[in-house]
Amino acid sequence: MPDPAGLPASGFAGQIATAIGTLGGGNAATVAAATKSAAQSDAAGVTPFSAFASDPATGLAEPRRGVPAEDGVVVPYGLFANRNAAATSSGETAGSWARDLLRGLASLAALTPAQATSPQDFRDLAAVIRNGLKSASAALADEAGALGLTEARLEDTRSRHAAVQTTVQSQLAGIQEVDLAAVLTRLKATETALQASYSAIGRLGSLSLAQFLR
């Protein structure tokens, strides 16, 4: 969202305010549809989201980022500004929790005492706003849960990688960090034993049957 501070003056908020300003005479459903249309719009000058995020060829088609966790497994993470990542919005929704939240807040900001002069229309529109915010809350909770699961999986992967690293370092240390004095002592002992064995084998080869029987 390039200009969050300018959201109240954006085309998105302006369209919602204009629609709500016409509330009355039994047109609550029409007003609600107009606010949803404004929230769903990716048109320049209307959407509060960036041109990249709103372009079907770039941001709207961009996959979630992911991090390799093990061989052949990539764990997705992160959120999108104008669409859901792991959650699926349902009920009174413009398609994503972010759009639903902005739609609800912009609708509340546009309400004035003038809309209350049509009590039934006001109640109907208020129900739409309430249900839209409930949808945003539910989808946002799903996103939070998915991020928590991702965090747990990555933490488990980090722990396993740390254990493997410790094992490899221990094995490497057993090769690189040997005690040379101890190794030389073992080699000398082995050499002495081999020399004694070779000497004994040599003497056996020179024995005659008479010498062996003595």
N, C-alpha and C. Protein backbone atom coordinates (compact mmCIF):
# COMPACT_ATOMS: atom_id res chain seq x y z
N MET A 1 0.85 -1.17 0.00
CA MET A 1 0.00 0.00 0.00
C MET A 1 0.90 1.24 0.00
N PRO A 2 1.06 1.89 -1.14
CA PRO A 2 2.03 2.99 -1.25
C PRO A 2 1.73 4.20 -0.38
N ASP A 3 0.43 4.50 -0.16
CA ASP A 3 0.08 5.72 0.57
C ASP A 3 -0.99 5.44 1.62
N PRO A 4 -0.64 4.74 2.71
CA PRO A 4 -1.64 4.43 3.73
C PRO A 4 -2.25 5.68 4.37
N ALA A 5 -1.45 6.74 4.51
CA ALA A 5 -1.97 7.96 5.13
C ALA A 5 -3.01 8.63 4.24
N GLY A 6 -2.92 8.40 2.92
CA GLY A 6 -3.87 9.01 2.01
C GLY A 6 -5.08 8.16 1.71
N LEU A 7 -5.24 7.06 2.45
CA LEU A 7 -6.36 6.15 2.20
C LEU A 7 -7.72 6.83 2.29
N PRO A 8 -7.97 7.70 3.27
CA PRO A 8 -9.30 8.33 3.33
C PRO A 8 -9.66 9.16 2.10
N ALA A 9 -8.64 9.63 1.38
CA ALA A 9 -8.91 10.44 0.19
C ALA A 9 -8.74 9.64 -1.10
N SER A 10 -8.56 8.34 -0.99
CA SER A 10 -8.32 7.51 -2.17
C SER A 10 -9.61 7.27 -2.95
N GLY A 11 -9.44 6.81 -4.18
CA GLY A 11 -10.61 6.48 -5.00
C GLY A 11 -11.44 5.37 -4.39
N PHE A 12 -10.78 4.44 -3.76
CA PHE A 12 -11.46 3.34 -3.09
C PHE A 12 -12.41 3.86 -2.01
N ALA A 13 -11.88 4.70 -1.11
CA ALA A 13 -12.71 5.25 -0.04
C ALA A 13 -13.77 6.19 -0.59
N GLY A 14 -13.42 6.92 -1.65
CA GLY A 14 -14.39 7.84 -2.25
C GLY A 14 -15.58 7.11 -2.85
N GLN A 15 -15.34 6.01 -3.54
CA GLN A 15 -16.44 5.23 -4.12
C GLN A 15 -17.34 4.66 -3.03
N ILE A 16 -16.75 4.18 -1.96
CA ILE A 16 -17.56 3.63 -0.86
C ILE A 16 -18.38 4.73 -0.20
N ALA A 17 -17.76 5.88 0.03
CA ALA A 17 -18.48 6.99 0.65
C ALA A 17 -19.63 7.45 -0.24
N THR A 18 -19.40 7.49 -1.55
CA THR A 18 -20.45 7.91 -2.48
C THR A 18 -21.62 6.93 -2.44
N ALA A 19 -21.31 5.64 -2.44
CA ALA A 19 -22.36 4.62 -2.41
C ALA A 19 -23.17 4.71 -1.12
N ILE A 20 -22.51 4.84 0.01
CA ILE A 20 -23.20 4.90 1.29
C ILE A 20 -24.02 6.19 1.40
N GLY A 21 -23.56 7.23 0.75
CA GLY A 21 -24.31 8.49 0.77
C GLY A 21 -25.67 8.39 0.10
N THR A 22 -25.86 7.35 -0.73
CA THR A 22 -27.15 7.18 -1.43
C THR A 22 -28.09 6.25 -0.67
N LEU A 23 -27.68 5.78 0.52
CA LEU A 23 -28.50 4.81 1.25
C LEU A 23 -29.88 5.39 1.56
N GLY A 24 -30.90 4.57 1.29
CA GLY A 24 -32.28 4.98 1.55
C GLY A 24 -33.22 4.43 0.51
N GLY A 25 -34.46 4.31 0.90
CA GLY A 25 -35.47 3.84 -0.06
C GLY A 25 -35.37 2.36 -0.37
N GLY A 26 -34.79 1.59 0.55
CA GLY A 26 -34.74 0.14 0.34
C GLY A 26 -33.60 -0.33 -0.55
N ASN A 27 -32.55 0.48 -0.66
CA ASN A 27 -31.45 0.12 -1.56
C ASN A 27 -30.21 -0.39 -0.84
N ALA A 28 -30.35 -0.93 0.35
CA ALA A 28 -29.19 -1.38 1.13
C ALA A 28 -28.38 -2.43 0.37
N ALA A 29 -29.06 -3.35 -0.32
CA ALA A 29 -28.35 -4.39 -1.06
C ALA A 29 -27.53 -3.78 -2.20
N THR A 30 -28.08 -2.78 -2.86
CA THR A 30 -27.36 -2.12 -3.95
C THR A 30 -26.14 -1.37 -3.43
N VAL A 31 -26.31 -0.70 -2.29
CA VAL A 31 -25.18 0.01 -1.68
C VAL A 31 -24.10 -0.97 -1.26
N ALA A 32 -24.50 -2.09 -0.67
CA ALA A 32 -23.52 -3.10 -0.24
C ALA A 32 -22.76 -3.67 -1.43
N ALA A 33 -23.48 -3.89 -2.53
CA ALA A 33 -22.83 -4.40 -3.73
C ALA A 33 -21.82 -3.40 -4.28
N ALA A 34 -22.15 -2.11 -4.19
CA ALA A 34 -21.24 -1.07 -4.67
C ALA A 34 -19.98 -1.01 -3.80
N THR A 35 -20.13 -1.16 -2.50
CA THR A 35 -18.95 -1.14 -1.63
C THR A 35 -18.07 -2.36 -1.88
N LYS A 36 -18.70 -3.51 -2.15
CA LYS A 36 -17.92 -4.71 -2.46
C LYS A 36 -17.17 -4.53 -3.77
N SER A 37 -17.82 -3.96 -4.76
CA SER A 37 -17.19 -3.73 -6.06
C SER A 37 -15.96 -2.83 -5.91
N ALA A 38 -16.09 -1.79 -5.09
CA ALA A 38 -14.96 -0.89 -4.86
C ALA A 38 -13.82 -1.62 -4.17
N ALA A 39 -14.15 -2.49 -3.22
CA ALA A 39 -13.12 -3.23 -2.50
C ALA A 39 -12.42 -4.25 -3.40
N GLN A 40 -13.15 -4.79 -4.37
CA GLN A 40 -12.59 -5.80 -5.26
C GLN A 40 -11.80 -5.19 -6.41
N SER A 41 -11.98 -3.91 -6.67
CA SER A 41 -11.37 -3.27 -7.84
C SER A 41 -9.84 -3.22 -7.74
N ASP A 42 -9.19 -3.53 -8.85
CA ASP A 42 -7.74 -3.38 -8.98
C ASP A 42 -7.40 -2.27 -9.96
N ALA A 43 -8.39 -1.44 -10.30
CA ALA A 43 -8.19 -0.37 -11.26
C ALA A 43 -7.32 0.74 -10.66
N ALA A 44 -6.46 1.29 -11.49
CA ALA A 44 -5.63 2.41 -11.04
C ALA A 44 -6.53 3.58 -10.67
N GLY A 45 -6.22 4.25 -9.58
CA GLY A 45 -7.02 5.37 -9.10
C GLY A 45 -8.13 4.95 -8.16
N VAL A 46 -8.39 3.66 -8.09
CA VAL A 46 -9.42 3.15 -7.17
C VAL A 46 -8.76 2.33 -6.06
N THR A 47 -8.04 1.30 -6.46
CA THR A 47 -7.42 0.43 -5.45
C THR A 47 -6.36 1.17 -4.65
N PRO A 48 -6.28 0.92 -3.36
CA PRO A 48 -5.24 1.54 -2.55
C PRO A 48 -3.91 0.79 -2.61
N PHE A 49 -3.91 -0.35 -3.31
CA PHE A 49 -2.72 -1.17 -3.39
C PHE A 49 -1.84 -0.74 -4.56
N SER A 50 -0.60 -1.15 -4.53
CA SER A 50 0.37 -0.72 -5.54
C SER A 50 0.03 -1.29 -6.91
N ALA A 51 0.59 -0.66 -7.95
CA ALA A 51 0.37 -1.13 -9.32
C ALA A 51 0.91 -2.55 -9.48
N PHE A 52 2.05 -2.84 -8.86
CA PHE A 52 2.63 -4.19 -8.95
C PHE A 52 1.69 -5.22 -8.33
N ALA A 53 1.20 -4.92 -7.11
CA ALA A 53 0.33 -5.87 -6.41
C ALA A 53 -0.99 -6.08 -7.13
N SER A 54 -1.43 -5.08 -7.91
CA SER A 54 -2.74 -5.14 -8.56
C SER A 54 -2.67 -5.66 -9.99
N ASP A 55 -1.47 -5.89 -10.51
CA ASP A 55 -1.30 -6.32 -11.91
C ASP A 55 -1.45 -7.83 -12.00
N PRO A 56 -2.39 -8.34 -12.84
CA PRO A 56 -2.57 -9.79 -12.97
C PRO A 56 -1.32 -10.50 -13.48
N ALA A 57 -0.44 -9.77 -14.16
CA ALA A 57 0.76 -10.39 -14.71
C ALA A 57 1.93 -10.39 -13.74
N THR A 58 1.81 -9.64 -12.66
CA THR A 58 2.93 -9.56 -11.70
C THR A 58 2.46 -9.95 -10.29
N GLY A 59 2.04 -8.96 -9.52
CA GLY A 59 1.72 -9.22 -8.12
C GLY A 59 0.59 -10.20 -7.90
N LEU A 60 -0.45 -10.12 -8.72
CA LEU A 60 -1.60 -11.02 -8.52
C LEU A 60 -1.28 -12.46 -8.92
N ALA A 61 -0.20 -12.64 -9.68
CA ALA A 61 0.20 -13.98 -10.09
C ALA A 61 1.43 -14.48 -9.34
N GLU A 62 1.95 -13.63 -8.46
CA GLU A 62 3.17 -13.99 -7.74
C GLU A 62 2.90 -15.09 -6.72
N PRO A 63 3.65 -16.19 -6.76
CA PRO A 63 3.45 -17.25 -5.76
C PRO A 63 4.02 -16.85 -4.41
N ARG A 64 3.59 -17.55 -3.39
CA ARG A 64 4.16 -17.31 -2.06
C ARG A 64 5.63 -17.70 -2.06
N ARG A 65 6.39 -17.01 -1.27
CA ARG A 65 7.78 -17.37 -1.09
C ARG A 65 7.87 -18.62 -0.23
N GLY A 66 8.97 -19.34 -0.38
CA GLY A 66 9.14 -20.56 0.39
C GLY A 66 10.60 -20.79 0.70
N VAL A 67 10.86 -21.63 1.68
CA VAL A 67 12.23 -21.96 2.08
C VAL A 67 12.37 -23.47 2.10
N PRO A 68 13.45 -24.00 1.49
CA PRO A 68 13.65 -25.46 1.51
C PRO A 68 13.83 -25.94 2.95
N ALA A 69 13.07 -26.95 3.32
CA ALA A 69 13.15 -27.50 4.67
C ALA A 69 13.89 -28.83 4.69
N GLU A 70 13.76 -29.59 3.62
CA GLU A 70 14.46 -30.85 3.47
C GLU A 70 14.41 -31.23 2.01
N ASP A 71 14.96 -32.36 1.65
CA ASP A 71 15.05 -32.76 0.26
C ASP A 71 13.67 -32.82 -0.39
N GLY A 72 13.43 -31.96 -1.37
CA GLY A 72 12.17 -31.97 -2.11
C GLY A 72 11.01 -31.31 -1.40
N VAL A 73 11.23 -30.68 -0.25
CA VAL A 73 10.15 -30.06 0.52
C VAL A 73 10.44 -28.57 0.68
N VAL A 74 9.49 -27.74 0.24
CA VAL A 74 9.60 -26.28 0.39
C VAL A 74 8.45 -25.81 1.26
N VAL A 75 8.75 -25.09 2.33
CA VAL A 75 7.74 -24.59 3.25
C VAL A 75 7.38 -23.15 2.86
N PRO A 76 6.11 -22.90 2.47
CA PRO A 76 5.73 -21.54 2.09
C PRO A 76 5.57 -20.64 3.30
N TYR A 77 5.80 -19.35 3.11
CA TYR A 77 5.64 -18.40 4.21
C TYR A 77 5.26 -17.04 3.64
N GLY A 78 4.87 -16.12 4.53
CA GLY A 78 4.59 -14.74 4.13
C GLY A 78 3.13 -14.49 3.79
N LEU A 79 2.80 -13.21 3.64
CA LEU A 79 1.45 -12.76 3.33
C LEU A 79 1.47 -11.86 2.11
N PHE A 80 0.30 -11.67 1.51
CA PHE A 80 0.13 -10.72 0.40
C PHE A 80 -0.68 -9.53 0.91
N ALA A 81 -0.47 -8.39 0.28
CA ALA A 81 -1.18 -7.18 0.73
C ALA A 81 -2.66 -7.24 0.36
N ASN A 82 -2.98 -7.70 -0.83
CA ASN A 82 -4.34 -7.57 -1.34
C ASN A 82 -5.03 -8.90 -1.63
N ARG A 83 -4.44 -10.00 -1.20
CA ARG A 83 -5.09 -11.31 -1.38
C ARG A 83 -4.62 -12.25 -0.29
N ASN A 84 -5.40 -13.30 -0.10
CA ASN A 84 -5.06 -14.25 0.94
C ASN A 84 -3.86 -15.10 0.54
N ALA A 85 -3.16 -15.60 1.53
CA ALA A 85 -2.03 -16.49 1.29
C ALA A 85 -2.45 -17.94 1.54
N ALA A 86 -2.73 -18.28 2.79
CA ALA A 86 -3.15 -19.64 3.14
C ALA A 86 -4.64 -19.73 3.43
N ALA A 87 -5.25 -18.62 3.82
CA ALA A 87 -6.67 -18.63 4.22
C ALA A 87 -7.60 -18.59 3.02
N THR A 88 -8.83 -19.00 3.25
CA THR A 88 -9.90 -18.90 2.26
C THR A 88 -11.04 -18.11 2.89
N SER A 89 -11.32 -16.94 2.35
CA SER A 89 -12.40 -16.11 2.90
C SER A 89 -13.75 -16.65 2.50
N SER A 90 -14.72 -16.50 3.39
CA SER A 90 -16.07 -16.99 3.11
C SER A 90 -17.08 -16.01 3.70
N GLY A 91 -18.33 -16.23 3.34
CA GLY A 91 -19.38 -15.34 3.83
C GLY A 91 -19.41 -14.03 3.07
N GLU A 92 -19.63 -12.94 3.79
CA GLU A 92 -19.68 -11.60 3.18
C GLU A 92 -18.26 -11.13 2.93
N THR A 93 -17.74 -11.42 1.76
CA THR A 93 -16.32 -11.14 1.50
C THR A 93 -16.10 -10.54 0.13
N ALA A 94 -15.07 -9.72 0.05
CA ALA A 94 -14.63 -9.16 -1.23
C ALA A 94 -13.48 -9.97 -1.81
N GLY A 95 -13.14 -11.07 -1.15
CA GLY A 95 -12.14 -11.97 -1.69
C GLY A 95 -10.92 -12.18 -0.83
N SER A 96 -10.66 -11.27 0.10
CA SER A 96 -9.50 -11.44 0.98
C SER A 96 -9.75 -10.68 2.27
N TRP A 97 -9.03 -11.09 3.30
CA TRP A 97 -9.23 -10.44 4.60
C TRP A 97 -8.83 -8.97 4.56
N ALA A 98 -7.81 -8.62 3.79
CA ALA A 98 -7.37 -7.23 3.72
C ALA A 98 -8.44 -6.35 3.06
N ARG A 99 -9.00 -6.82 1.97
CA ARG A 99 -10.05 -6.06 1.28
C ARG A 99 -11.29 -5.94 2.15
N ASP A 100 -11.63 -7.04 2.85
CA ASP A 100 -12.81 -7.00 3.72
C ASP A 100 -12.62 -6.02 4.86
N LEU A 101 -11.41 -6.01 5.42
CA LEU A 101 -11.13 -5.10 6.53
C LEU A 101 -11.20 -3.64 6.07
N LEU A 102 -10.58 -3.35 4.94
CA LEU A 102 -10.60 -1.97 4.42
C LEU A 102 -12.01 -1.55 4.02
N ARG A 103 -12.75 -2.49 3.44
CA ARG A 103 -14.14 -2.18 3.07
C ARG A 103 -14.97 -1.83 4.30
N GLY A 104 -14.83 -2.64 5.35
CA GLY A 104 -15.60 -2.39 6.56
C GLY A 104 -15.23 -1.07 7.22
N LEU A 105 -13.92 -0.80 7.32
CA LEU A 105 -13.50 0.44 7.96
C LEU A 105 -13.92 1.66 7.15
N ALA A 106 -13.78 1.57 5.82
CA ALA A 106 -14.17 2.70 4.97
C ALA A 106 -15.68 2.93 5.04
N SER A 107 -16.45 1.85 5.14
CA SER A 107 -17.91 1.97 5.24
C SER A 107 -18.31 2.63 6.56
N LEU A 108 -17.67 2.21 7.64
CA LEU A 108 -17.97 2.82 8.94
C LEU A 108 -17.61 4.31 8.94
N ALA A 109 -16.48 4.63 8.31
CA ALA A 109 -16.05 6.02 8.27
C ALA A 109 -17.00 6.89 7.46
N ALA A 110 -17.70 6.29 6.50
CA ALA A 110 -18.58 7.05 5.63
C ALA A 110 -19.98 7.24 6.20
N LEU A 111 -20.33 6.49 7.24
CA LEU A 111 -21.67 6.61 7.82
C LEU A 111 -21.83 7.95 8.55
N THR A 112 -22.99 8.54 8.37
CA THR A 112 -23.33 9.80 9.04
C THR A 112 -24.75 9.68 9.60
N PRO A 113 -25.17 10.63 10.41
CA PRO A 113 -26.55 10.59 10.92
C PRO A 113 -27.59 10.54 9.82
N ALA A 114 -27.24 10.99 8.61
CA ALA A 114 -28.21 11.00 7.52
C ALA A 114 -28.67 9.60 7.16
N GLN A 115 -27.76 8.63 7.26
CA GLN A 115 -28.14 7.25 6.91
C GLN A 115 -29.10 6.65 7.95
N ALA A 116 -29.05 7.14 9.17
CA ALA A 116 -29.92 6.62 10.22
C ALA A 116 -31.37 7.03 10.03
N THR A 117 -31.63 7.95 9.12
CA THR A 117 -33.03 8.35 8.86
C THR A 117 -33.80 7.27 8.13
N SER A 118 -33.09 6.28 7.59
CA SER A 118 -33.72 5.11 6.96
C SER A 118 -33.36 3.90 7.81
N PRO A 119 -34.08 3.68 8.91
CA PRO A 119 -33.67 2.68 9.90
C PRO A 119 -33.45 1.28 9.34
N GLN A 120 -34.37 0.80 8.49
CA GLN A 120 -34.22 -0.57 7.99
C GLN A 120 -33.01 -0.69 7.08
N ASP A 121 -32.83 0.29 6.19
CA ASP A 121 -31.65 0.26 5.31
C ASP A 121 -30.37 0.34 6.14
N PHE A 122 -30.40 1.16 7.17
CA PHE A 122 -29.22 1.30 8.04
C PHE A 122 -28.90 -0.01 8.71
N ARG A 123 -29.93 -0.70 9.23
CA ARG A 123 -29.71 -1.98 9.89
C ARG A 123 -29.17 -3.01 8.90
N ASP A 124 -29.74 -3.03 7.70
CA ASP A 124 -29.30 -4.00 6.70
C ASP A 124 -27.84 -3.76 6.30
N LEU A 125 -27.50 -2.50 6.10
CA LEU A 125 -26.12 -2.19 5.73
C LEU A 125 -25.17 -2.47 6.89
N ALA A 126 -25.60 -2.17 8.11
CA ALA A 126 -24.76 -2.45 9.27
C ALA A 126 -24.49 -3.95 9.40
N ALA A 127 -25.48 -4.77 9.06
CA ALA A 127 -25.30 -6.23 9.10
C ALA A 127 -24.27 -6.66 8.07
N VAL A 128 -24.30 -6.05 6.90
CA VAL A 128 -23.32 -6.37 5.86
C VAL A 128 -21.91 -6.00 6.33
N ILE A 129 -21.79 -4.82 6.92
CA ILE A 129 -20.48 -4.37 7.42
C ILE A 129 -19.99 -5.31 8.51
N ARG A 130 -20.88 -5.66 9.43
CA ARG A 130 -20.50 -6.55 10.53
C ARG A 130 -20.05 -7.91 10.00
N ASN A 131 -20.80 -8.47 9.06
CA ASN A 131 -20.45 -9.78 8.51
C ASN A 131 -19.15 -9.73 7.72
N GLY A 132 -18.92 -8.61 7.04
CA GLY A 132 -17.66 -8.47 6.31
C GLY A 132 -16.46 -8.43 7.25
N LEU A 133 -16.62 -7.71 8.36
CA LEU A 133 -15.53 -7.65 9.34
C LEU A 133 -15.33 -9.00 10.02
N LYS A 134 -16.42 -9.75 10.24
CA LYS A 134 -16.29 -11.09 10.80
C LYS A 134 -15.53 -11.99 9.84
N SER A 135 -15.81 -11.86 8.54
CA SER A 135 -15.09 -12.65 7.54
C SER A 135 -13.61 -12.30 7.55
N ALA A 136 -13.31 -11.00 7.65
CA ALA A 136 -11.91 -10.57 7.71
C ALA A 136 -11.21 -11.15 8.93
N SER A 137 -11.90 -11.12 10.07
CA SER A 137 -11.32 -11.63 11.31
C SER A 137 -11.05 -13.12 11.22
N ALA A 138 -11.99 -13.87 10.65
CA ALA A 138 -11.82 -15.33 10.55
C ALA A 138 -10.67 -15.68 9.61
N ALA A 139 -10.60 -15.00 8.47
CA ALA A 139 -9.51 -15.29 7.53
C ALA A 139 -8.16 -14.88 8.10
N LEU A 140 -8.14 -13.77 8.81
CA LEU A 140 -6.89 -13.33 9.43
C LEU A 140 -6.43 -14.32 10.49
N ALA A 141 -7.36 -14.89 11.23
CA ALA A 141 -7.01 -15.92 12.22
C ALA A 141 -6.44 -17.16 11.54
N ASP A 142 -7.02 -17.51 10.38
CA ASP A 142 -6.48 -18.65 9.63
C ASP A 142 -5.06 -18.37 9.15
N GLU A 143 -4.83 -17.13 8.69
CA GLU A 143 -3.48 -16.77 8.25
C GLU A 143 -2.49 -16.84 9.42
N ALA A 144 -2.92 -16.35 10.57
CA ALA A 144 -2.05 -16.40 11.75
C ALA A 144 -1.74 -17.85 12.13
N GLY A 145 -2.76 -18.72 12.06
CA GLY A 145 -2.54 -20.13 12.36
C GLY A 145 -1.58 -20.77 11.38
N ALA A 146 -1.71 -20.44 10.09
CA ALA A 146 -0.82 -21.00 9.08
C ALA A 146 0.61 -20.53 9.29
N LEU A 147 0.78 -19.27 9.65
CA LEU A 147 2.12 -18.75 9.92
C LEU A 147 2.72 -19.41 11.16
N GLY A 148 1.88 -19.67 12.17
CA GLY A 148 2.35 -20.37 13.35
C GLY A 148 2.82 -21.78 13.03
N LEU A 149 2.07 -22.47 12.15
CA LEU A 149 2.46 -23.81 11.74
C LEU A 149 3.77 -23.77 10.96
N THR A 150 3.91 -22.77 10.09
CA THR A 150 5.15 -22.61 9.33
C THR A 150 6.33 -22.37 10.26
N GLU A 151 6.11 -21.52 11.26
CA GLU A 151 7.17 -21.24 12.22
C GLU A 151 7.59 -22.51 12.95
N ALA A 152 6.61 -23.33 13.34
CA ALA A 152 6.91 -24.57 14.05
C ALA A 152 7.69 -25.54 13.16
N ARG A 153 7.29 -25.64 11.89
CA ARG A 153 7.99 -26.54 10.97
C ARG A 153 9.42 -26.07 10.73
N LEU A 154 9.60 -24.77 10.57
CA LEU A 154 10.94 -24.24 10.34
C LEU A 154 11.82 -24.39 11.58
N GLU A 155 11.22 -24.24 12.76
CA GLU A 155 11.98 -24.43 13.99
C GLU A 155 12.41 -25.88 14.14
N ASP A 156 11.52 -26.81 13.77
CA ASP A 156 11.86 -28.22 13.81
C ASP A 156 12.98 -28.53 12.82
N THR A 157 12.88 -27.92 11.63
CA THR A 157 13.93 -28.11 10.62
C THR A 157 15.26 -27.54 11.11
N ARG A 158 15.21 -26.37 11.74
CA ARG A 158 16.43 -25.76 12.26
C ARG A 158 17.09 -26.66 13.31
N SER A 159 16.26 -27.25 14.17
CA SER A 159 16.79 -28.12 15.22
C SER A 159 17.45 -29.36 14.60
N ARG A 160 16.79 -29.93 13.57
CA ARG A 160 17.37 -31.11 12.92
C ARG A 160 18.66 -30.77 12.21
N HIS A 161 18.68 -29.62 11.55
CA HIS A 161 19.91 -29.20 10.86
C HIS A 161 21.03 -28.95 11.86
N ALA A 162 20.70 -28.37 13.00
CA ALA A 162 21.71 -28.12 14.03
C ALA A 162 22.28 -29.44 14.55
N ALA A 163 21.41 -30.44 14.72
CA ALA A 163 21.87 -31.75 15.21
C ALA A 163 22.79 -32.41 14.18
N VAL A 164 22.42 -32.31 12.90
CA VAL A 164 23.27 -32.88 11.84
C VAL A 164 24.61 -32.16 11.79
N GLN A 165 24.57 -30.84 11.92
CA GLN A 165 25.80 -30.05 11.89
C GLN A 165 26.73 -30.45 13.04
N THR A 166 26.14 -30.65 14.22
CA THR A 166 26.94 -31.06 15.38
C THR A 166 27.59 -32.42 15.14
N THR A 167 26.83 -33.36 14.56
CA THR A 167 27.36 -34.69 14.28
C THR A 167 28.50 -34.64 13.26
N VAL A 168 28.29 -33.87 12.19
CA VAL A 168 29.32 -33.76 11.15
C VAL A 168 30.58 -33.10 11.70
N GLN A 169 30.39 -32.05 12.51
CA GLN A 169 31.55 -31.38 13.09
C GLN A 169 32.32 -32.31 14.03
N SER A 170 31.58 -33.15 14.77
CA SER A 170 32.22 -34.11 15.67
C SER A 170 33.03 -35.12 14.87
N GLN A 171 32.45 -35.61 13.76
CA GLN A 171 33.16 -36.57 12.93
C GLN A 171 34.38 -35.93 12.27
N LEU A 172 34.23 -34.70 11.83
CA LEU A 172 35.34 -33.99 11.20
C LEU A 172 36.46 -33.73 12.21
N ALA A 173 36.06 -33.39 13.43
CA ALA A 173 37.05 -33.15 14.46
C ALA A 173 37.83 -34.43 14.76
N GLY A 174 37.15 -35.59 14.69
CA GLY A 174 37.83 -36.85 14.92
C GLY A 174 38.90 -37.14 13.88
N ILE A 175 38.76 -36.50 12.70
CA ILE A 175 39.74 -36.69 11.63
C ILE A 175 40.83 -35.63 11.69
N GLN A 176 40.42 -34.39 11.89
CA GLN A 176 41.35 -33.27 11.79
C GLN A 176 42.07 -32.96 13.09
N GLU A 177 41.43 -33.23 14.21
CA GLU A 177 41.99 -32.81 15.49
C GLU A 177 42.53 -33.99 16.30
N VAL A 178 43.32 -34.85 15.63
CA VAL A 178 43.85 -36.03 16.31
C VAL A 178 45.02 -35.62 17.21
N ASP A 179 45.28 -36.46 18.23
CA ASP A 179 46.42 -36.28 19.13
C ASP A 179 47.62 -36.97 18.48
N LEU A 180 48.53 -36.18 17.90
CA LEU A 180 49.66 -36.75 17.16
C LEU A 180 50.53 -37.62 18.05
N ALA A 181 50.77 -37.20 19.29
CA ALA A 181 51.61 -37.99 20.19
C ALA A 181 51.02 -39.37 20.43
N ALA A 182 49.69 -39.40 20.66
CA ALA A 182 49.03 -40.68 20.90
C ALA A 182 49.07 -41.55 19.66
N VAL A 183 48.88 -40.93 18.48
CA VAL A 183 48.91 -41.69 17.23
C VAL A 183 50.30 -42.28 17.00
N LEU A 184 51.37 -41.48 17.25
CA LEU A 184 52.74 -41.97 17.06
C LEU A 184 53.05 -43.11 18.03
N THR A 185 52.54 -43.01 19.25
CA THR A 185 52.77 -44.08 20.24
C THR A 185 52.12 -45.38 19.77
N ARG A 186 50.88 -45.28 19.27
CA ARG A 186 50.17 -46.48 18.78
C ARG A 186 50.88 -47.06 17.56
N LEU A 187 51.37 -46.19 16.67
CA LEU A 187 52.08 -46.66 15.49
C LEU A 187 53.37 -47.38 15.87
N LYS A 188 54.10 -46.82 16.87
CA LYS A 188 55.36 -47.44 17.32
C LYS A 188 55.09 -48.80 17.93
N ALA A 189 54.01 -48.89 18.72
CA ALA A 189 53.66 -50.17 19.33
C ALA A 189 53.31 -51.19 18.27
N THR A 190 52.57 -50.75 17.26
CA THR A 190 52.20 -51.65 16.17
C THR A 190 53.43 -52.11 15.41
N GLU A 191 54.36 -51.18 15.18
CA GLU A 191 55.60 -51.52 14.47
C GLU A 191 56.40 -52.56 15.25
N THR A 192 56.53 -52.38 16.57
CA THR A 192 57.27 -53.31 17.41
C THR A 192 56.65 -54.70 17.37
N ALA A 193 55.30 -54.73 17.46
CA ALA A 193 54.60 -56.02 17.43
C ALA A 193 54.81 -56.71 16.09
N LEU A 194 54.76 -55.95 14.99
CA LEU A 194 54.96 -56.54 13.67
C LEU A 194 56.37 -57.09 13.51
N GLN A 195 57.36 -56.33 14.00
CA GLN A 195 58.74 -56.78 13.91
C GLN A 195 58.94 -58.08 14.67
N ALA A 196 58.35 -58.18 15.87
CA ALA A 196 58.45 -59.41 16.66
C ALA A 196 57.81 -60.58 15.92
N SER A 197 56.66 -60.34 15.28
CA SER A 197 55.96 -61.39 14.54
C SER A 197 56.80 -61.86 13.36
N TYR A 198 57.35 -60.89 12.61
CA TYR A 198 58.18 -61.24 11.45
C TYR A 198 59.41 -62.05 11.88
N SER A 199 60.02 -61.67 13.03
CA SER A 199 61.21 -62.38 13.54
C SER A 199 60.85 -63.82 13.91
N ALA A 200 59.71 -64.00 14.57
CA ALA A 200 59.29 -65.34 14.97
C ALA A 200 59.00 -66.20 13.76
N ILE A 201 58.33 -65.61 12.75
CA ILE A 201 58.01 -66.36 11.53
C ILE A 201 59.29 -66.75 10.81
N GLY A 202 60.30 -65.84 10.82
CA GLY A 202 61.57 -66.15 10.17
C GLY A 202 62.29 -67.30 10.84
N ARG A 203 62.26 -67.33 12.14
CA ARG A 203 62.92 -68.42 12.87
C ARG A 203 62.22 -69.74 12.64
N LEU A 204 60.92 -69.76 12.55
CA LEU A 204 60.18 -70.99 12.29
C LEU A 204 60.54 -71.58 10.94
N GLY A 205 60.83 -70.70 10.00
CA GLY A 205 61.17 -71.19 8.65
C GLY A 205 62.52 -71.88 8.60
N SER A 206 63.39 -71.58 9.55
CA SER A 206 64.74 -72.18 9.52
C SER A 206 64.85 -73.44 10.39
N LEU A 207 63.80 -73.81 11.07
CA LEU A 207 63.83 -75.00 11.94
C LEU A 207 63.77 -76.29 11.12
N SER A 208 64.53 -77.28 11.51
CA SER A 208 64.44 -78.61 10.90
C SER A 208 63.55 -79.48 11.77
N LEU A 209 63.21 -80.66 11.28
CA LEU A 209 62.35 -81.54 12.02
C LEU A 209 63.05 -82.00 13.30
N ALA A 210 64.34 -82.21 13.22
CA ALA A 210 65.09 -82.64 14.41
C ALA A 210 65.11 -81.54 15.44
N GLN A 211 65.32 -80.28 14.98
CA GLN A 211 65.32 -79.17 15.92
C GLN A 211 63.94 -78.97 16.54
N PHE A 212 62.89 -79.18 15.70
CA PHE A 212 61.53 -78.97 16.19
C PHE A 212 61.15 -79.98 17.24
N LEU A 213 61.72 -81.28 17.09
CA LEU A 213 61.35 -82.35 18.02
C LEU A 213 62.16 -82.28 19.28
N ARG A 214 63.25 -81.54 19.34
CA ARG A 214 64.05 -81.44 20.54
C ARG A 214 63.38 -80.67 21.61
